[in-house]
Amino acid sequence: MPTDPSIFFSSEELSRYAADVPHQKLIWPTFSQKKLSVYLRRDDIASEHYPGNKWYKLFYNLKAIIQSGQKTVLSFGGAYSNHIHALAAMGKQYRLNTVGVIRGYPPRVLSPTLQDARELGMELLFLGHDDYRKKNLSQFSEQLRKQYGDYYCLPEGGDNLLGAKGCQAIAHGIGEHFSGEYTICCALGTGTTFAGIVSAISEQVKCLGFSVLKGEDTLTEQVSQRLQDMGSLPPEWHINNDYHHGGYAKTTPELLTFMQAIEEANSLSLESVKLESMKLEPMKLEPVYSAKMLWGIDQLAQQNYWPEGSTIIAVHGGGLQGRRGFTL
């Protein structure tokens, strides 16, 4: 990735970056019993500072920031936010001031994520939960501008049209490795990555998202609106809300046991569609997104959701730095 802010990847280079990501074929009893070919797209190892979906979400936003002439970028997130972590790294690399508005009161000891962010130069502003809910109000924006001057506001999680546009490259990258009918699976928090992927698939491809949020399903409506804003009329897609294990950043003993077992089953088997471009590292998951997605795939496979012979590509959204928030 370029270190000079005046040098940018072209869209074609972003596509090449996405196409070079390897896909690891997973070994797991359910998949073999049901005669399914399940691959994990290893975006988690594609970049040191922007693993998973982060570079895709930031790519076009970074261009917009530089073109706007803004020197300060402000965004939002929690104490273990992958987005905040990646944004802080981007700020240091591209010589931008970054401000992270963090949900919650200042802790006595910063989380490892926020320690990293501060060391990377990000200024942290903590807000109680009630105030944090007001972050999108115009009065709050005015207060922030008085405090930090003019800034580029990047929504929480990189959830905007530019973020979704960047994630289209994931679908294009998968298409460089697979053809015909297959299903792309993805974990959803804001739905930005999923919307980008869905907007770029061909008619033969299906998309299945796994929500990590508990409660009423709002993600289907959000993704539908995002797709409409992108001018996209995609083929078949669906969001499953059954495998969140209690909600965002919540876990269960069953999920953690499953995560450890499937990691161990695939730690030595590094069969890939494309090995020459990148040496695969042993598979690691985290319980917020990727483990819940694979759990959902496993559960649906046991229910014969997919016909025998189906190909499934699970997108690893990264976020391994967030493992530090759990005893793993």
C-alpha atoms as a PDB file:
ATOM      1  CA  MET A   1       0.000   0.000   0.000  1.00  0.00           C
ATOM      2  CA  PRO A   2       1.320   3.451  -0.812  1.00  0.00           C
ATOM      3  CA  THR A   3       2.784   5.518   2.023  1.00  0.00           C
ATOM      4  CA  ASP A   4       2.641   8.866   0.196  1.00  0.00           C
ATOM      5  CA  PRO A   5      -0.842  10.450   0.444  1.00  0.00           C
ATOM      6  CA  SER A   6      -0.456  11.816  -3.086  1.00  0.00           C
ATOM      7  CA  ILE A   7      -0.218   8.267  -4.457  1.00  0.00           C
ATOM      8  CA  PHE A   8      -3.355   6.167  -4.624  1.00  0.00           C
ATOM      9  CA  PHE A   9      -4.255   2.710  -5.713  1.00  0.00           C
ATOM     10  CA  SER A  10      -6.397   2.816  -8.795  1.00  0.00           C
ATOM     11  CA  SER A  11      -9.638   0.853  -8.748  1.00  0.00           C
ATOM     12  CA  GLU A  12      -7.893  -1.700 -10.934  1.00  0.00           C
ATOM     13  CA  GLU A  13      -5.152  -2.134  -8.346  1.00  0.00           C
ATOM     14  CA  LEU A  14      -7.746  -2.574  -5.611  1.00  0.00           C
ATOM     15  CA  SER A  15      -9.268  -5.328  -7.747  1.00  0.00           C
ATOM     16  CA  ARG A  16      -5.867  -6.981  -8.110  1.00  0.00           C
ATOM     17  CA  TYR A  17      -5.352  -6.751  -4.343  1.00  0.00           C
ATOM     18  CA  ALA A  18      -8.695  -8.517  -3.861  1.00  0.00           C
ATOM     19  CA  ALA A  19      -7.929 -11.136  -6.490  1.00  0.00           C
ATOM     20  CA  ASP A  20      -4.661 -12.103  -4.778  1.00  0.00           C
ATOM     21  CA  VAL A  21      -6.387 -13.120  -1.530  1.00  0.00           C
ATOM     22  CA  PRO A  22      -6.193 -16.917  -1.111  1.00  0.00           C
ATOM     23  CA  HIS A  23      -9.121 -19.176  -0.319  1.00  0.00           C
ATOM     24  CA  GLN A  24      -8.541 -22.023   2.123  1.00  0.00           C
ATOM     25  CA  LYS A  25     -10.628 -25.161   1.749  1.00  0.00           C
ATOM     26  CA  LEU A  26     -11.974 -26.076   5.171  1.00  0.00           C
ATOM     27  CA  ILE A  27     -11.866 -29.538   6.689  1.00  0.00           C
ATOM     28  CA  TRP A  28     -14.825 -30.217   8.963  1.00  0.00           C
ATOM     29  CA  PRO A  29     -16.950 -33.353   9.528  1.00  0.00           C
ATOM     30  CA  THR A  30     -20.265 -31.713   8.635  1.00  0.00           C
ATOM     31  CA  PHE A  31     -18.930 -30.377   5.355  1.00  0.00           C
ATOM     32  CA  SER A  32     -17.538 -33.724   4.256  1.00  0.00           C
ATOM     33  CA  GLN A  33     -20.646 -35.623   5.390  1.00  0.00           C
ATOM     34  CA  LYS A  34     -22.893 -33.276   3.419  1.00  0.00           C
ATOM     35  CA  LYS A  35     -20.501 -33.225   0.437  1.00  0.00           C
ATOM     36  CA  LEU A  36     -20.025 -29.464   0.573  1.00  0.00           C
ATOM     37  CA  SER A  37     -16.948 -27.545  -0.571  1.00  0.00           C
ATOM     38  CA  VAL A  38     -16.513 -24.720   1.936  1.00  0.00           C
ATOM     39  CA  TYR A  39     -13.717 -22.196   1.487  1.00  0.00           C
ATOM     40  CA  LEU A  40     -12.599 -19.456   3.847  1.00  0.00           C
ATOM     41  CA  ARG A  41     -11.546 -16.315   2.013  1.00  0.00           C
ATOM     42  CA  ARG A  42      -8.426 -15.274   3.933  1.00  0.00           C
ATOM     43  CA  ASP A  43      -8.684 -11.481   3.859  1.00  0.00           C
ATOM     44  CA  ASP A  44      -7.446 -11.667   7.465  1.00  0.00           C
ATOM     45  CA  ILE A  45      -3.866 -12.161   6.200  1.00  0.00           C
ATOM     46  CA  ALA A  46      -4.006  -9.820   3.197  1.00  0.00           C
ATOM     47  CA  SER A  47      -2.771  -6.734   5.065  1.00  0.00           C
ATOM     48  CA  GLU A  48      -0.867  -6.106   8.277  1.00  0.00           C
ATOM     49  CA  HIS A  49      -2.624  -2.874   9.266  1.00  0.00           C
ATOM     50  CA  TYR A  50      -5.957  -3.223   7.438  1.00  0.00           C
ATOM     51  CA  PRO A  51      -6.870  -6.916   7.650  1.00  0.00           C
ATOM     52  CA  GLY A  52     -10.195  -8.350   6.612  1.00  0.00           C
ATOM     53  CA  ASN A  53     -12.699  -5.913   5.195  1.00  0.00           C
ATOM     54  CA  LYS A  54     -11.021  -2.784   6.559  1.00  0.00           C
ATOM     55  CA  TRP A  55      -8.946  -1.721   3.539  1.00  0.00           C
ATOM     56  CA  TYR A  56     -11.953  -2.155   1.250  1.00  0.00           C
ATOM     57  CA  LYS A  57     -14.093   0.057   3.491  1.00  0.00           C
ATOM     58  CA  LEU A  58     -11.402   2.705   3.874  1.00  0.00           C
ATOM     59  CA  PHE A  59     -10.148   2.775   0.273  1.00  0.00           C
ATOM     60  CA  TYR A  60     -12.615   5.201  -1.329  1.00  0.00           C
ATOM     61  CA  ASN A  61     -13.072   7.103   1.925  1.00  0.00           C
ATOM     62  CA  LEU A  62      -9.331   7.732   2.003  1.00  0.00           C
ATOM     63  CA  LYS A  63      -9.462   9.104  -1.525  1.00  0.00           C
ATOM     64  CA  ALA A  64     -12.353  11.376  -0.566  1.00  0.00           C
ATOM     65  CA  ILE A  65     -10.514  12.584   2.539  1.00  0.00           C
ATOM     66  CA  ILE A  66      -7.376  13.530   0.636  1.00  0.00           C
ATOM     67  CA  GLN A  67      -9.315  15.108  -2.221  1.00  0.00           C
ATOM     68  CA  SER A  68     -11.330  17.173   0.264  1.00  0.00           C
ATOM     69  CA  GLY A  69      -8.156  18.622   1.741  1.00  0.00           C
ATOM     70  CA  GLN A  70      -9.214  17.652   5.252  1.00  0.00           C
ATOM     71  CA  LYS A  71      -6.428  16.962   7.709  1.00  0.00           C
ATOM     72  CA  THR A  72      -8.579  15.492  10.473  1.00  0.00           C
ATOM     73  CA  VAL A  73     -10.770  12.383  10.352  1.00  0.00           C
ATOM     74  CA  LEU A  74     -13.256  11.645  13.119  1.00  0.00           C
ATOM     75  CA  SER A  75     -15.122   8.405  13.631  1.00  0.00           C
ATOM     76  CA  PHE A  76     -16.875   6.306  16.244  1.00  0.00           C
ATOM     77  CA  GLY A  77     -16.602   2.889  17.876  1.00  0.00           C
ATOM     78  CA  GLY A  78     -16.219   0.786  20.990  1.00  0.00           C
ATOM     79  CA  ALA A  79     -13.250  -0.204  23.114  1.00  0.00           C
ATOM     80  CA  TYR A  80     -12.341  -3.135  20.832  1.00  0.00           C
ATOM     81  CA  SER A  81     -13.451  -1.614  17.534  1.00  0.00           C
ATOM     82  CA  ASN A  82     -11.663  -3.033  14.502  1.00  0.00           C
ATOM     83  CA  HIS A  83     -12.685   0.084  12.617  1.00  0.00           C
ATOM     84  CA  ILE A  84     -11.090   2.440  15.152  1.00  0.00           C
ATOM     85  CA  HIS A  85      -7.916   0.339  15.126  1.00  0.00           C
ATOM     86  CA  ALA A  86      -7.646   0.430  11.325  1.00  0.00           C
ATOM     87  CA  LEU A  87      -8.496   4.134  11.133  1.00  0.00           C
ATOM     88  CA  ALA A  88      -5.724   4.984  13.596  1.00  0.00           C
ATOM     89  CA  ALA A  89      -3.247   3.018  11.465  1.00  0.00           C
ATOM     90  CA  MET A  90      -4.466   4.817   8.345  1.00  0.00           C
ATOM     91  CA  GLY A  91      -4.028   8.177  10.035  1.00  0.00           C
ATOM     92  CA  LYS A  92      -0.418   7.459  10.894  1.00  0.00           C
ATOM     93  CA  GLN A  93       0.408   6.046   7.467  1.00  0.00           C
ATOM     94  CA  TYR A  94      -1.194   8.907   5.539  1.00  0.00           C
ATOM     95  CA  ARG A  95      -0.263  11.710   7.950  1.00  0.00           C
ATOM     96  CA  LEU A  96      -3.832  12.508   8.987  1.00  0.00           C
ATOM     97  CA  ASN A  97      -5.069  13.574  12.407  1.00  0.00           C
ATOM     98  CA  THR A  98      -7.555  11.047  13.728  1.00  0.00           C
ATOM     99  CA  VAL A  99     -10.130  11.365  16.495  1.00  0.00           C
ATOM    100  CA  GLY A 100     -11.927   8.324  17.878  1.00  0.00           C
ATOM    101  CA  VAL A 101     -15.200   8.993  19.677  1.00  0.00           C
ATOM    102  CA  ILE A 102     -15.422   5.975  21.967  1.00  0.00           C
ATOM    103  CA  ARG A 103     -18.614   4.544  23.423  1.00  0.00           C
ATOM    104  CA  GLY A 104     -18.361   4.438  27.229  1.00  0.00           C
ATOM    105  CA  TYR A 105     -16.681   6.324  30.053  1.00  0.00           C
ATOM    106  CA  PRO A 106     -12.883   6.602  30.265  1.00  0.00           C
ATOM    107  CA  PRO A 107     -11.533   3.365  31.758  1.00  0.00           C
ATOM    108  CA  ARG A 108      -8.751   3.196  34.311  1.00  0.00           C
ATOM    109  CA  VAL A 109      -6.808   1.061  31.843  1.00  0.00           C
ATOM    110  CA  LEU A 110      -7.265   1.332  28.099  1.00  0.00           C
ATOM    111  CA  SER A 111      -8.156  -1.777  26.140  1.00  0.00           C
ATOM    112  CA  PRO A 112      -5.329  -3.137  23.954  1.00  0.00           C
ATOM    113  CA  THR A 113      -7.193  -1.800  20.910  1.00  0.00           C
ATOM    114  CA  LEU A 114      -7.349   1.728  22.289  1.00  0.00           C
ATOM    115  CA  GLN A 115      -3.756   1.543  23.531  1.00  0.00           C
ATOM    116  CA  ASP A 116      -2.729   0.767  19.957  1.00  0.00           C
ATOM    117  CA  ALA A 117      -4.908   3.567  18.604  1.00  0.00           C
ATOM    118  CA  ARG A 118      -3.407   6.130  20.967  1.00  0.00           C
ATOM    119  CA  GLU A 119       0.133   4.971  20.162  1.00  0.00           C
ATOM    120  CA  LEU A 120      -0.704   5.378  16.474  1.00  0.00           C
ATOM    121  CA  GLY A 121      -1.593   9.009  17.168  1.00  0.00           C
ATOM    122  CA  MET A 122      -5.359   8.909  17.542  1.00  0.00           C
ATOM    123  CA  GLU A 123      -6.969  11.283  20.020  1.00  0.00           C
ATOM    124  CA  LEU A 124      -9.648   9.528  22.064  1.00  0.00           C
ATOM    125  CA  LEU A 125     -12.888  11.148  23.221  1.00  0.00           C
ATOM    126  CA  PHE A 126     -15.058   9.048  25.546  1.00  0.00           C
ATOM    127  CA  LEU A 127     -18.825   9.453  25.712  1.00  0.00           C
ATOM    128  CA  GLY A 128     -21.314   7.845  28.064  1.00  0.00           C
ATOM    129  CA  HIS A 129     -23.887   5.644  26.393  1.00  0.00           C
ATOM    130  CA  ASP A 130     -26.646   8.283  26.526  1.00  0.00           C
ATOM    131  CA  ASP A 131     -24.457  10.921  24.916  1.00  0.00           C
ATOM    132  CA  TYR A 132     -23.124   8.415  22.414  1.00  0.00           C
ATOM    133  CA  ARG A 133     -26.648   7.813  21.121  1.00  0.00           C
ATOM    134  CA  LYS A 134     -26.795  11.519  20.237  1.00  0.00           C
ATOM    135  CA  LYS A 135     -23.661  11.373  18.069  1.00  0.00           C
ATOM    136  CA  ASN A 136     -25.559  11.852  14.820  1.00  0.00           C
ATOM    137  CA  LEU A 137     -27.440  14.959  15.967  1.00  0.00           C
ATOM    138  CA  SER A 138     -26.453  18.267  14.379  1.00  0.00           C
ATOM    139  CA  GLN A 139     -25.941  19.912  17.781  1.00  0.00           C
ATOM    140  CA  PHE A 140     -23.385  17.273  18.689  1.00  0.00           C
ATOM    141  CA  SER A 141     -21.561  17.754  15.382  1.00  0.00           C
ATOM    142  CA  GLU A 142     -21.368  21.483  16.073  1.00  0.00           C
ATOM    143  CA  GLN A 143     -19.796  20.834  19.479  1.00  0.00           C
ATOM    144  CA  LEU A 144     -17.199  18.550  17.904  1.00  0.00           C
ATOM    145  CA  ARG A 145     -16.320  21.130  15.249  1.00  0.00           C
ATOM    146  CA  LYS A 146     -15.780  23.746  17.934  1.00  0.00           C
ATOM    147  CA  GLN A 147     -13.425  21.336  19.674  1.00  0.00           C
ATOM    148  CA  TYR A 148     -11.576  19.867  16.683  1.00  0.00           C
ATOM    149  CA  GLY A 149     -12.181  22.309  13.861  1.00  0.00           C
ATOM    150  CA  ASP A 150     -13.331  21.141  10.456  1.00  0.00           C
ATOM    151  CA  TYR A 151     -13.064  17.382   9.963  1.00  0.00           C
ATOM    152  CA  TYR A 152     -14.097  14.505   7.719  1.00  0.00           C
ATOM    153  CA  CYS A 153     -16.730  12.454   9.536  1.00  0.00           C
ATOM    154  CA  LEU A 154     -16.486   8.740   8.851  1.00  0.00           C
ATOM    155  CA  PRO A 155     -19.520   6.806  10.156  1.00  0.00           C
ATOM    156  CA  GLU A 156     -19.101   4.067  12.722  1.00  0.00           C
ATOM    157  CA  GLY A 157     -17.734   0.930  11.106  1.00  0.00           C
ATOM    158  CA  GLY A 158     -17.086   2.759   7.839  1.00  0.00           C
ATOM    159  CA  ASP A 159     -20.799   2.439   7.132  1.00  0.00           C
ATOM    160  CA  ASN A 160     -21.353   4.633   4.083  1.00  0.00           C
ATOM    161  CA  LEU A 161     -21.685   4.354   0.320  1.00  0.00           C
ATOM    162  CA  LEU A 162     -17.942   4.678  -0.207  1.00  0.00           C
ATOM    163  CA  GLY A 163     -17.317   1.840   2.234  1.00  0.00           C
ATOM    164  CA  ALA A 164     -19.811  -0.392   0.423  1.00  0.00           C
ATOM    165  CA  LYS A 165     -18.335   0.554  -2.940  1.00  0.00           C
ATOM    166  CA  GLY A 166     -14.908  -0.608  -1.817  1.00  0.00           C
ATOM    167  CA  CYS A 167     -16.324  -3.946  -0.684  1.00  0.00           C
ATOM    168  CA  GLN A 168     -17.502  -4.687  -4.215  1.00  0.00           C
ATOM    169  CA  ALA A 169     -13.895  -5.693  -4.867  1.00  0.00           C
ATOM    170  CA  ILE A 170     -14.364  -8.684  -2.548  1.00  0.00           C
ATOM    171  CA  ALA A 171     -17.040 -10.110  -4.839  1.00  0.00           C
ATOM    172  CA  HIS A 172     -14.879  -9.422  -7.882  1.00  0.00           C
ATOM    173  CA  GLY A 173     -11.902 -11.090  -6.181  1.00  0.00           C
ATOM    174  CA  ILE A 174     -13.937 -14.211  -5.411  1.00  0.00           C
ATOM    175  CA  GLY A 175     -15.064 -14.281  -9.033  1.00  0.00           C
ATOM    176  CA  GLU A 176     -11.425 -14.561 -10.108  1.00  0.00           C
ATOM    177  CA  HIS A 177     -11.202 -17.913  -8.289  1.00  0.00           C
ATOM    178  CA  PHE A 178     -14.676 -19.412  -8.667  1.00  0.00           C
ATOM    179  CA  SER A 179     -17.224 -19.671 -11.462  1.00  0.00           C
ATOM    180  CA  GLY A 180     -20.718 -21.012 -11.909  1.00  0.00           C
ATOM    181  CA  GLU A 181     -23.088 -21.311  -8.975  1.00  0.00           C
ATOM    182  CA  TYR A 182     -21.841 -20.718  -5.443  1.00  0.00           C
ATOM    183  CA  THR A 183     -22.872 -18.962  -2.239  1.00  0.00           C
ATOM    184  CA  ILE A 184     -20.909 -16.161  -0.553  1.00  0.00           C
ATOM    185  CA  CYS A 185     -21.373 -15.976   3.217  1.00  0.00           C
ATOM    186  CA  CYS A 186     -20.518 -12.994   5.381  1.00  0.00           C
ATOM    187  CA  ALA A 187     -21.030 -11.887   8.995  1.00  0.00           C
ATOM    188  CA  LEU A 188     -22.969  -8.634   9.437  1.00  0.00           C
ATOM    189  CA  GLY A 189     -22.608  -5.819  11.951  1.00  0.00           C
ATOM    190  CA  THR A 190     -23.519  -2.689   9.994  1.00  0.00           C
ATOM    191  CA  GLY A 191     -24.152  -4.555   6.727  1.00  0.00           C
ATOM    192  CA  THR A 192     -21.743  -2.394   4.720  1.00  0.00           C
ATOM    193  CA  THR A 193     -19.482  -5.222   3.577  1.00  0.00           C
ATOM    194  CA  PHE A 194     -22.445  -7.447   2.770  1.00  0.00           C
ATOM    195  CA  ALA A 195     -24.171  -4.734   0.727  1.00  0.00           C
ATOM    196  CA  GLY A 196     -21.014  -4.131  -1.277  1.00  0.00           C
ATOM    197  CA  ILE A 197     -20.607  -7.828  -2.025  1.00  0.00           C
ATOM    198  CA  VAL A 198     -24.273  -8.317  -2.906  1.00  0.00           C
ATOM    199  CA  SER A 199     -24.238  -5.331  -5.272  1.00  0.00           C
ATOM    200  CA  ALA A 200     -21.401  -6.857  -7.309  1.00  0.00           C
ATOM    201  CA  ILE A 201     -22.374 -10.523  -7.719  1.00  0.00           C
ATOM    202  CA  SER A 202     -23.541 -12.194 -10.915  1.00  0.00           C
ATOM    203  CA  GLU A 203     -26.956 -13.782 -11.379  1.00  0.00           C
ATOM    204  CA  GLN A 204     -25.633 -17.281 -10.646  1.00  0.00           C
ATOM    205  CA  VAL A 205     -24.244 -16.297  -7.244  1.00  0.00           C
ATOM    206  CA  LYS A 206     -26.196 -16.195  -3.989  1.00  0.00           C
ATOM    207  CA  CYS A 207     -25.329 -14.262  -0.836  1.00  0.00           C
ATOM    208  CA  LEU A 208     -26.156 -15.270   2.723  1.00  0.00           C
ATOM    209  CA  GLY A 209     -25.394 -12.966   5.627  1.00  0.00           C
ATOM    210  CA  PHE A 210     -25.242 -13.911   9.302  1.00  0.00           C
ATOM    211  CA  SER A 211     -26.239 -11.125  11.672  1.00  0.00           C
ATOM    212  CA  VAL A 212     -24.212 -10.819  14.879  1.00  0.00           C
ATOM    213  CA  LEU A 213     -26.884  -8.567  16.414  1.00  0.00           C
ATOM    214  CA  LYS A 214     -29.688  -9.624  18.729  1.00  0.00           C
ATOM    215  CA  GLY A 215     -33.213  -8.361  18.481  1.00  0.00           C
ATOM    216  CA  GLU A 216     -35.470  -7.140  15.717  1.00  0.00           C
ATOM    217  CA  ASP A 217     -34.034  -7.536  12.245  1.00  0.00           C
ATOM    218  CA  THR A 218     -33.181  -4.091  10.921  1.00  0.00           C
ATOM    219  CA  LEU A 219     -30.238  -5.174   8.807  1.00  0.00           C
ATOM    220  CA  THR A 220     -32.392  -6.432   5.929  1.00  0.00           C
ATOM    221  CA  GLU A 221     -33.976  -2.996   5.629  1.00  0.00           C
ATOM    222  CA  GLN A 222     -30.601  -1.267   5.973  1.00  0.00           C
ATOM    223  CA  VAL A 223     -28.970  -3.417   3.303  1.00  0.00           C
ATOM    224  CA  SER A 224     -31.965  -2.977   1.001  1.00  0.00           C
ATOM    225  CA  GLN A 225     -31.705   0.792   1.365  1.00  0.00           C
ATOM    226  CA  ARG A 226     -27.960   0.721   0.773  1.00  0.00           C
ATOM    227  CA  LEU A 227     -28.434  -1.342  -2.385  1.00  0.00           C
ATOM    228  CA  GLN A 228     -31.084   1.086  -3.576  1.00  0.00           C
ATOM    229  CA  ASP A 229     -28.726   4.001  -2.948  1.00  0.00           C
ATOM    230  CA  MET A 230     -26.085   2.172  -4.983  1.00  0.00           C
ATOM    231  CA  GLY A 231     -28.519   1.692  -7.846  1.00  0.00           C
ATOM    232  CA  SER A 232     -28.234  -2.076  -7.558  1.00  0.00           C
ATOM    233  CA  LEU A 233     -30.889  -4.705  -8.224  1.00  0.00           C
ATOM    234  CA  PRO A 234     -29.025  -7.827  -7.120  1.00  0.00           C
ATOM    235  CA  PRO A 235     -30.057 -11.452  -7.448  1.00  0.00           C
ATOM    236  CA  GLU A 236     -30.822 -13.681  -4.499  1.00  0.00           C
ATOM    237  CA  TRP A 237     -29.631 -12.649  -1.039  1.00  0.00           C
ATOM    238  CA  HIS A 238     -30.782 -13.288   2.513  1.00  0.00           C
ATOM    239  CA  ILE A 239     -29.824 -12.432   6.103  1.00  0.00           C
ATOM    240  CA  ASN A 240     -30.029 -15.059   8.828  1.00  0.00           C
ATOM    241  CA  ASN A 241     -30.686 -13.835  12.380  1.00  0.00           C
ATOM    242  CA  ASP A 242     -30.557 -17.130  14.268  1.00  0.00           C
ATOM    243  CA  TYR A 243     -26.884 -17.527  15.191  1.00  0.00           C
ATOM    244  CA  HIS A 244     -25.853 -14.373  17.078  1.00  0.00           C
ATOM    245  CA  HIS A 245     -25.185 -16.253  20.366  1.00  0.00           C
ATOM    246  CA  GLY A 246     -26.714 -13.524  22.504  1.00  0.00           C
ATOM    247  CA  GLY A 247     -25.878 -10.467  20.428  1.00  0.00           C
ATOM    248  CA  TYR A 248     -22.959  -8.268  19.483  1.00  0.00           C
ATOM    249  CA  ALA A 249     -19.685  -9.317  21.167  1.00  0.00           C
ATOM    250  CA  LYS A 250     -21.596 -11.964  23.157  1.00  0.00           C
ATOM    251  CA  THR A 251     -20.451 -15.561  23.199  1.00  0.00           C
ATOM    252  CA  THR A 252     -21.538 -18.956  24.472  1.00  0.00           C
ATOM    253  CA  PRO A 253     -19.401 -21.908  25.611  1.00  0.00           C
ATOM    254  CA  GLU A 254     -20.679 -23.826  22.592  1.00  0.00           C
ATOM    255  CA  LEU A 255     -19.444 -21.145  20.206  1.00  0.00           C
ATOM    256  CA  LEU A 256     -15.992 -20.976  21.794  1.00  0.00           C
ATOM    257  CA  THR A 257     -15.672 -24.758  21.759  1.00  0.00           C
ATOM    258  CA  PHE A 258     -16.678 -24.859  18.100  1.00  0.00           C
ATOM    259  CA  MET A 259     -14.242 -22.064  17.235  1.00  0.00           C
ATOM    260  CA  GLN A 260     -11.318 -23.840  18.860  1.00  0.00           C
ATOM    261  CA  ALA A 261     -12.206 -27.153  17.233  1.00  0.00           C
ATOM    262  CA  ILE A 262     -12.543 -25.851  13.680  1.00  0.00           C
ATOM    263  CA  GLU A 263      -9.330 -23.819  14.080  1.00  0.00           C
ATOM    264  CA  GLU A 264      -7.464 -26.932  15.174  1.00  0.00           C
ATOM    265  CA  ALA A 265      -8.979 -29.012  12.370  1.00  0.00           C
ATOM    266  CA  ASN A 266      -7.643 -26.569   9.804  1.00  0.00           C
ATOM    267  CA  SER A 267      -4.373 -25.485  11.406  1.00  0.00           C
ATOM    268  CA  LEU A 268      -2.285 -27.905   9.382  1.00  0.00           C
ATOM    269  CA  SER A 269      -4.425 -28.254   6.273  1.00  0.00           C
ATOM    270  CA  LEU A 270      -3.634 -25.281   4.071  1.00  0.00           C
ATOM    271  CA  GLU A 271      -5.144 -26.430   0.784  1.00  0.00           C
ATOM    272  CA  SER A 272      -5.953 -23.342  -1.255  1.00  0.00           C
ATOM    273  CA  VAL A 273      -7.343 -22.444  -4.643  1.00  0.00           C
ATOM    274  CA  LYS A 274      -4.333 -20.185  -5.142  1.00  0.00           C
ATOM    275  CA  LEU A 275      -1.148 -20.693  -3.153  1.00  0.00           C
ATOM    276  CA  GLU A 276       1.561 -19.083  -5.250  1.00  0.00           C
ATOM    277  CA  SER A 277       0.714 -15.457  -4.385  1.00  0.00           C
ATOM    278  CA  MET A 278       0.649 -15.708  -0.596  1.00  0.00           C
ATOM    279  CA  LYS A 279       1.715 -18.233   2.004  1.00  0.00           C
ATOM    280  CA  LEU A 280      -1.221 -19.135   4.193  1.00  0.00           C
ATOM    281  CA  GLU A 281      -0.915 -18.811   7.942  1.00  0.00           C
ATOM    282  CA  PRO A 282      -2.860 -21.132  10.270  1.00  0.00           C
ATOM    283  CA  MET A 283      -6.514 -20.181  10.431  1.00  0.00           C
ATOM    284  CA  LYS A 284      -7.590 -18.002  13.350  1.00  0.00           C
ATOM    285  CA  LEU A 285     -11.113 -16.812  14.064  1.00  0.00           C
ATOM    286  CA  GLU A 286     -12.666 -14.414  16.545  1.00  0.00           C
ATOM    287  CA  PRO A 287     -16.003 -14.893  18.348  1.00  0.00           C
ATOM    288  CA  VAL A 288     -17.627 -11.598  17.328  1.00  0.00           C
ATOM    289  CA  TYR A 289     -17.967 -12.192  13.581  1.00  0.00           C
ATOM    290  CA  SER A 290     -16.107 -15.004  11.830  1.00  0.00           C
ATOM    291  CA  ALA A 291     -16.802 -17.791  14.325  1.00  0.00           C
ATOM    292  CA  LYS A 292     -20.530 -17.007  14.331  1.00  0.00           C
ATOM    293  CA  MET A 293     -20.571 -17.079  10.527  1.00  0.00           C
ATOM    294  CA  LEU A 294     -18.917 -20.515  10.378  1.00  0.00           C
ATOM    295  CA  TRP A 295     -21.167 -21.767  13.179  1.00  0.00           C
ATOM    296  CA  GLY A 296     -24.163 -20.677  11.123  1.00  0.00           C
ATOM    297  CA  ILE A 297     -22.837 -22.395   8.011  1.00  0.00           C
ATOM    298  CA  ASP A 298     -22.283 -25.583  10.014  1.00  0.00           C
ATOM    299  CA  GLN A 299     -25.772 -25.482  11.539  1.00  0.00           C
ATOM    300  CA  LEU A 300     -27.465 -24.902   8.189  1.00  0.00           C
ATOM    301  CA  ALA A 301     -25.398 -27.650   6.595  1.00  0.00           C
ATOM    302  CA  GLN A 302     -26.628 -30.077   9.257  1.00  0.00           C
ATOM    303  CA  GLN A 303     -30.171 -29.050   8.265  1.00  0.00           C
ATOM    304  CA  ASN A 304     -29.436 -29.823   4.585  1.00  0.00           C
ATOM    305  CA  TYR A 305     -29.810 -26.166   3.644  1.00  0.00           C
ATOM    306  CA  TRP A 306     -27.441 -26.637   0.689  1.00  0.00           C
ATOM    307  CA  PRO A 307     -27.677 -29.437  -1.883  1.00  0.00           C
ATOM    308  CA  GLU A 308     -24.818 -31.933  -2.111  1.00  0.00           C
ATOM    309  CA  GLY A 309     -21.963 -30.633  -4.227  1.00  0.00           C
ATOM    310  CA  SER A 310     -22.565 -26.974  -3.326  1.00  0.00           C
ATOM    311  CA  THR A 311     -19.667 -24.527  -3.081  1.00  0.00           C
ATOM    312  CA  ILE A 312     -19.672 -21.980  -0.254  1.00  0.00           C
ATOM    313  CA  ILE A 313     -17.196 -19.136   0.201  1.00  0.00           C
ATOM    314  CA  ALA A 314     -17.059 -17.670   3.703  1.00  0.00           C
ATOM    315  CA  VAL A 315     -15.516 -14.197   3.878  1.00  0.00           C
ATOM    316  CA  HIS A 316     -13.153 -13.691   6.825  1.00  0.00           C
ATOM    317  CA  GLY A 317     -13.779 -10.106   7.908  1.00  0.00           C
ATOM    318  CA  GLY A 318     -10.571  -9.887   9.950  1.00  0.00           C
ATOM    319  CA  GLY A 319     -10.870  -8.426  13.426  1.00  0.00           C
ATOM    320  CA  LEU A 320      -8.366 -10.773  15.021  1.00  0.00           C
ATOM    321  CA  GLN A 321      -6.991  -7.923  17.126  1.00  0.00           C
ATOM    322  CA  GLY A 322     -10.356  -8.049  18.909  1.00  0.00           C
ATOM    323  CA  ARG A 323      -9.526 -11.513  20.253  1.00  0.00           C
ATOM    324  CA  ARG A 324      -7.650  -9.647  22.967  1.00  0.00           C
ATOM    325  CA  GLY A 325     -10.994  -8.768  24.508  1.00  0.00           C
ATOM    326  CA  PHE A 326     -11.609 -12.439  25.267  1.00  0.00           C
ATOM    327  CA  THR A 327      -9.742 -15.099  27.207  1.00  0.00           C
ATOM    328  CA  LEU A 328      -8.563 -17.114  24.202  1.00  0.00           C
END
